[in-house]
Amino acid sequence: MSSEANTVTAVYQVTGMTCGHCEGAVAEEIGALDGVSSVKAVASTGQVTVVSAAPLDETAVRAAVDEAGYELA
């Protein structure tokens, strides 16, 4: 059985990202949350796609984005 079958994908909108460094900072903070297997941040759209083992607590995601210096829209 593939581990992909038991994952949740969520897309968040983050304001303030303007470059690759921004993408990396947001991805690093969200990636440190329990259960997160991948994060893709795209500065041009502000979208952050997160794959995790279970749905993430939005408060935890917001705190991670804040820690990176950005804001969850």
Protein backbone atom coordinates (compact mmCIF):
# COMPACT_ATOMS: atom_id res chain seq x y z
CA MET A 1 0.00 0.00 0.00
CA SER A 2 1.36 3.39 -0.97
CA SER A 3 1.86 6.02 1.72
CA GLU A 4 0.43 8.54 -0.76
CA ALA A 5 -3.03 7.05 -0.20
CA ASN A 6 -3.13 8.36 3.36
CA THR A 7 -2.14 11.96 2.80
CA VAL A 8 -3.97 15.28 2.84
CA THR A 9 -3.12 18.11 0.46
CA ALA A 10 -4.02 21.66 1.49
CA VAL A 11 -3.40 24.95 -0.28
CA TYR A 12 -2.86 28.10 1.75
CA GLN A 13 -2.60 31.71 0.60
CA VAL A 14 0.37 33.58 2.09
CA THR A 15 0.91 37.31 1.70
CA GLY A 16 4.28 39.03 1.51
CA MET A 17 6.35 36.43 -0.34
CA THR A 18 8.32 38.07 -3.16
CA CYS A 19 11.27 35.78 -3.96
CA GLY A 20 12.88 32.37 -3.64
CA HIS A 21 14.21 33.22 -0.19
CA CYS A 22 10.64 33.94 0.93
CA GLU A 23 9.46 30.62 -0.49
CA GLY A 24 12.25 28.79 1.34
CA ALA A 25 11.56 30.49 4.66
CA VAL A 26 7.85 29.64 4.55
CA ALA A 27 8.48 26.08 3.34
CA GLU A 28 11.06 25.49 6.08
CA GLU A 29 8.76 26.65 8.89
CA ILE A 30 5.68 24.76 7.65
CA GLY A 31 7.82 21.72 6.85
CA ALA A 32 8.84 21.53 10.51
CA LEU A 33 5.24 20.88 11.59
CA ASP A 34 4.42 17.30 12.65
CA GLY A 35 3.14 15.12 9.83
CA VAL A 36 4.17 17.39 6.94
CA SER A 37 5.77 15.42 4.11
CA SER A 38 6.17 18.17 1.51
CA VAL A 39 5.71 21.90 1.05
CA LYS A 40 5.79 23.91 -2.16
CA ALA A 41 5.63 27.70 -1.86
CA VAL A 42 5.22 29.89 -4.95
CA ALA A 43 5.95 33.58 -4.38
CA SER A 44 4.36 34.77 -7.63
CA THR A 45 0.93 33.41 -6.64
CA GLY A 46 1.33 33.41 -2.85
CA GLN A 47 0.17 29.81 -2.80
CA VAL A 48 1.66 27.24 -0.48
CA THR A 49 0.75 23.61 -1.12
CA VAL A 50 1.26 21.31 1.85
CA VAL A 51 1.06 17.50 1.87
CA SER A 52 0.66 15.96 5.30
CA ALA A 53 -0.32 12.72 6.97
CA ALA A 54 -3.44 14.31 8.48
CA PRO A 55 -5.21 17.67 8.28
CA LEU A 56 -3.11 20.40 9.88
CA ASP A 57 -4.31 22.70 12.60
CA GLU A 58 -4.71 26.12 10.96
CA THR A 59 -3.44 27.82 14.12
CA ALA A 60 -0.17 25.87 13.82
CA VAL A 61 0.15 26.73 10.12
CA ARG A 62 -0.55 30.41 10.87
CA ALA A 63 2.10 30.38 13.63
CA ALA A 64 4.66 28.79 11.28
CA VAL A 65 3.97 31.37 8.56
CA ASP A 66 4.20 34.17 11.14
CA GLU A 67 7.51 32.76 12.37
CA ALA A 68 8.83 32.95 8.79
CA GLY A 69 7.82 36.63 8.71
CA TYR A 70 4.74 36.38 6.49
CA GLU A 71 0.99 36.26 6.92
CA LEU A 72 -1.59 33.59 6.21
CA ALA A 73 -4.32 35.30 4.16
